[in-house]
Protein backbone atom coordinates (compact mmCIF):
# COMPACT_ATOMS: atom_id res chain seq x y z
CA MET A 1 23.29 111.73 156.06
CA THR A 2 23.76 110.52 159.60
CA GLY A 3 25.63 112.06 162.45
CA GLN A 4 26.74 115.60 162.92
CA ARG A 5 27.48 118.02 160.13
CA ALA A 6 31.19 118.41 159.44
CA GLY A 7 32.47 121.26 161.52
CA ALA A 8 29.27 121.73 163.51
CA GLY A 9 30.13 122.18 167.14
CA SER A 10 33.76 121.34 166.59
CA ARG A 11 36.75 123.57 166.28
CA ARG A 12 39.81 123.08 164.15
CA ARG A 13 42.75 121.64 165.99
CA GLY A 14 46.34 121.97 164.89
CA PRO A 15 49.02 119.31 164.95
CA SER A 16 49.74 117.69 168.29
CA PRO A 17 52.51 119.09 170.50
CA ALA A 18 54.47 115.84 170.08
CA PHE A 19 54.36 116.23 166.29
CA ASN A 20 55.47 119.86 166.57
CA LEU A 21 58.37 118.90 168.84
CA ALA A 22 59.43 116.18 166.38
CA LEU A 23 59.17 118.73 163.56
CA LEU A 24 61.24 121.22 165.56
CA THR A 25 63.89 118.54 166.19
CA LEU A 26 64.04 117.78 162.46
CA ALA A 27 64.28 121.51 161.71
CA LEU A 28 67.17 121.96 164.13
CA LEU A 29 68.95 118.97 162.56
CA LEU A 30 68.57 120.50 159.08
CA VAL A 31 69.89 123.85 160.30
CA TYR A 32 72.83 122.12 162.00
CA LEU A 33 73.72 120.20 158.83
CA ALA A 34 73.48 123.32 156.68
CA VAL A 35 75.50 125.52 159.03
CA SER A 36 78.21 122.87 159.46
CA ASN A 37 78.64 122.75 155.65
CA LEU A 38 78.26 126.49 155.03
CA ASP A 39 82.00 127.27 155.02
CA ARG A 40 82.78 124.49 152.55
CA GLY A 41 79.88 125.54 150.31
CA ILE A 42 81.06 129.14 150.19
CA ARG A 43 84.65 128.08 149.51
CA ALA A 44 83.50 125.78 146.70
CA ALA A 45 81.31 128.50 145.18
CA THR A 46 84.18 130.98 145.09
CA ALA A 47 86.92 128.41 144.32
CA ASP A 48 88.75 129.57 147.45
CA GLY A 49 91.49 127.02 148.09
CA ALA A 50 94.86 125.66 147.05
CA PRO A 51 95.30 125.88 143.27
CA GLY A 52 96.75 122.91 141.43
CA THR A 53 96.34 120.46 138.58
CA PHE A 54 93.92 117.55 138.23
CA THR A 55 94.98 114.70 135.93
CA ALA A 56 92.07 112.49 134.87
CA ALA A 57 92.65 108.74 135.21
CA SER A 58 89.17 107.23 134.78
CA LEU A 59 85.57 108.09 134.08
CA ALA A 60 82.62 106.30 135.69
CA CYS A 61 79.16 107.00 134.26
CA ILE A 62 75.69 105.86 135.27
CA GLN A 63 72.80 106.12 132.83
CA HIS A 64 69.32 107.02 134.05
CA PRO A 65 66.27 107.48 131.82
CA GLY A 66 66.98 110.72 129.98
CA HIS A 67 70.07 111.53 132.03
CA GLU A 68 73.69 110.49 132.48
CA SER A 69 75.76 111.15 135.61
CA CYS A 70 79.55 110.85 135.40
CA THR A 71 82.38 111.05 137.91
CA CYS A 72 85.90 111.86 136.75
CA TYR A 73 88.55 110.25 139.00
CA GLY A 74 92.22 111.11 138.95
CA THR A 75 95.17 112.68 140.77
CA TYR A 76 95.38 116.19 142.18
CA THR A 77 98.77 117.89 142.49
CA ALA A 78 98.90 121.21 144.35
CA ASP A 79 100.99 124.06 142.93
CA ASP A 80 102.80 124.40 146.27
CA GLY A 81 104.57 121.05 145.74
CA ALA A 82 102.62 119.04 148.34
CA ALA A 83 102.35 115.28 147.78
CA PRO A 84 99.88 114.36 145.02
CA ARG A 85 96.46 113.04 146.13
CA ASP A 86 95.21 109.97 144.28
CA ASP A 87 91.63 108.77 143.91
CA VAL A 88 89.98 112.18 144.07
CA TYR A 89 87.30 113.33 141.67
CA LEU A 90 86.76 116.60 139.84
CA TYR A 91 83.40 118.05 140.81
CA GLY A 92 81.15 118.83 137.86
CA ALA A 93 83.18 116.98 135.23
CA ASP A 94 81.27 114.96 132.65
CA ARG A 95 81.98 112.82 129.61
CA ALA A 96 82.85 115.90 127.50
CA THR A 97 85.16 117.56 130.03
CA CYS A 98 86.93 114.50 131.50
CA VAL A 99 89.68 113.55 129.06
CA ILE A 100 91.92 110.73 130.36
CA ASP A 101 95.57 111.78 131.02
CA GLN A 102 94.77 115.43 130.37
CA ASP A 103 95.67 118.07 132.97
CA THR A 104 92.99 120.47 134.14
CA ARG A 105 93.32 123.41 136.51
CA ALA A 106 91.62 122.67 139.83
CA VAL A 107 91.25 124.01 143.37
CA ASP A 108 91.41 122.01 146.59
CA ILE A 109 89.07 123.53 149.18
CA GLY A 110 89.79 120.88 151.80
CA ALA A 111 87.20 118.26 150.86
CA PRO A 112 88.57 114.78 151.56
CA ASN A 113 87.97 113.25 148.11
CA ARG A 114 87.10 115.95 145.60
CA VAL A 115 88.50 119.06 143.98
CA TYR A 116 86.77 121.80 142.02
CA GLY A 117 87.37 123.59 138.76
CA PRO A 118 88.60 127.20 138.92
CA GLU A 119 85.05 128.38 138.14
CA GLY A 120 83.80 127.00 141.49
CA SER A 121 80.55 125.12 142.03
CA ARG A 122 76.88 125.61 142.74
CA GLU A 123 76.76 123.29 145.77
CA TRP A 124 76.01 126.33 147.91
CA MET A 125 72.46 126.33 146.51
CA PHE A 126 71.69 122.99 148.15
CA THR A 127 73.20 124.18 151.44
CA ALA A 128 71.19 127.41 151.28
CA GLY A 129 68.02 125.44 150.48
CA LEU A 130 68.66 123.12 153.42
CA LEU A 131 69.16 126.09 155.73
CA LEU A 132 66.00 127.82 154.51
CA ALA A 133 63.96 124.61 154.83
CA GLY A 134 65.22 124.11 158.38
CA LEU A 135 64.42 127.69 159.36
CA ALA A 136 60.95 127.46 157.77
CA LEU A 137 60.18 124.21 159.61
CA ALA A 138 61.47 125.66 162.88
CA THR A 139 59.30 128.76 162.43
CA ALA A 140 56.21 126.71 161.57
CA SER A 141 56.58 124.28 164.46
CA THR A 142 57.36 127.03 166.97
CA THR A 143 54.38 129.05 165.75
CA ASN A 144 52.13 125.99 166.15
CA LEU A 145 53.43 125.35 169.67
CA VAL A 146 52.91 128.98 170.73
CA ARG A 147 49.47 129.14 169.09
CA ALA A 148 48.39 125.93 170.87
CA ARG A 149 49.61 127.33 174.18
CA LEU A 150 47.66 130.55 173.67
CA LEU A 151 44.50 128.67 172.64
CA ARG A 152 44.69 126.57 175.80
CA GLY A 153 44.72 129.78 177.79
CA GLY A 154 48.44 130.08 178.35
CA GLY A 155 48.02 130.13 182.12
CA ARG A 156 45.43 132.92 182.06
CA PRO A 157 42.00 132.33 183.56
CA PRO A 158 39.17 131.84 181.04
CA GLU A 159 37.08 134.95 180.37
CA ASN A 160 33.91 133.58 181.98
CA ASP A 161 35.55 132.74 185.33
CA THR A 162 35.33 135.18 188.20
CA VAL A 163 38.64 136.11 189.70
CA HIS A 164 38.75 136.92 193.43
CA HIS A 165 41.62 138.90 194.85
CA TYR A 166 42.30 138.35 198.54
CA GLY A 167 45.00 139.90 200.60
CA PRO A 168 45.69 142.69 203.07
CA GLY A 169 42.85 145.21 202.97
CA LYS A 170 40.63 142.93 200.86
CA GLU A 171 37.72 141.00 202.22
CA GLY A 172 37.35 137.27 201.64
CA PRO A 173 34.21 135.48 200.50
CA THR A 174 31.14 135.65 202.72
CA ALA A 175 29.64 132.57 204.28
CA GLU A 176 26.97 132.50 201.55
CA GLU A 177 29.57 132.56 198.76
CA GLY A 178 31.43 129.66 200.29
CA ARG A 179 35.08 129.28 200.91
């Protein structure tokens, strides 16, 4: 084996400050995205919106290995008599629940192109996960930045340096000590 032993005479270094700043920026972006969608996620989870009727017009399905994903498109008509909205989809509908020309109770929470069933949705879980991931990344990157600052000394003099205090009533260095 040539060279130095792994770890001999070296100390572990953390991620670079630039990496931590990039990580912090990503974390803040994730938090921003989650917080900006929090209201809609809560409204969707609780089905808090304008009640109405969704009439299915078409079903589009995509097959993946071991999985099928469907979108049920149709028209939403609010109970309050507002103009019907075409080309919206019913969140969570699948091949079994999307019957063409059948009316289904739905709730409009204000999303531009989708409505939800009266049972609500579980979209809030993704939003909560995004928020938690952003907060975890922000905590980790901030901790790394603070730890690196403290390891560099954080503006404090190293322990083996002598500190001289000069000022009124204190004597300066002698000629032998140097100035």
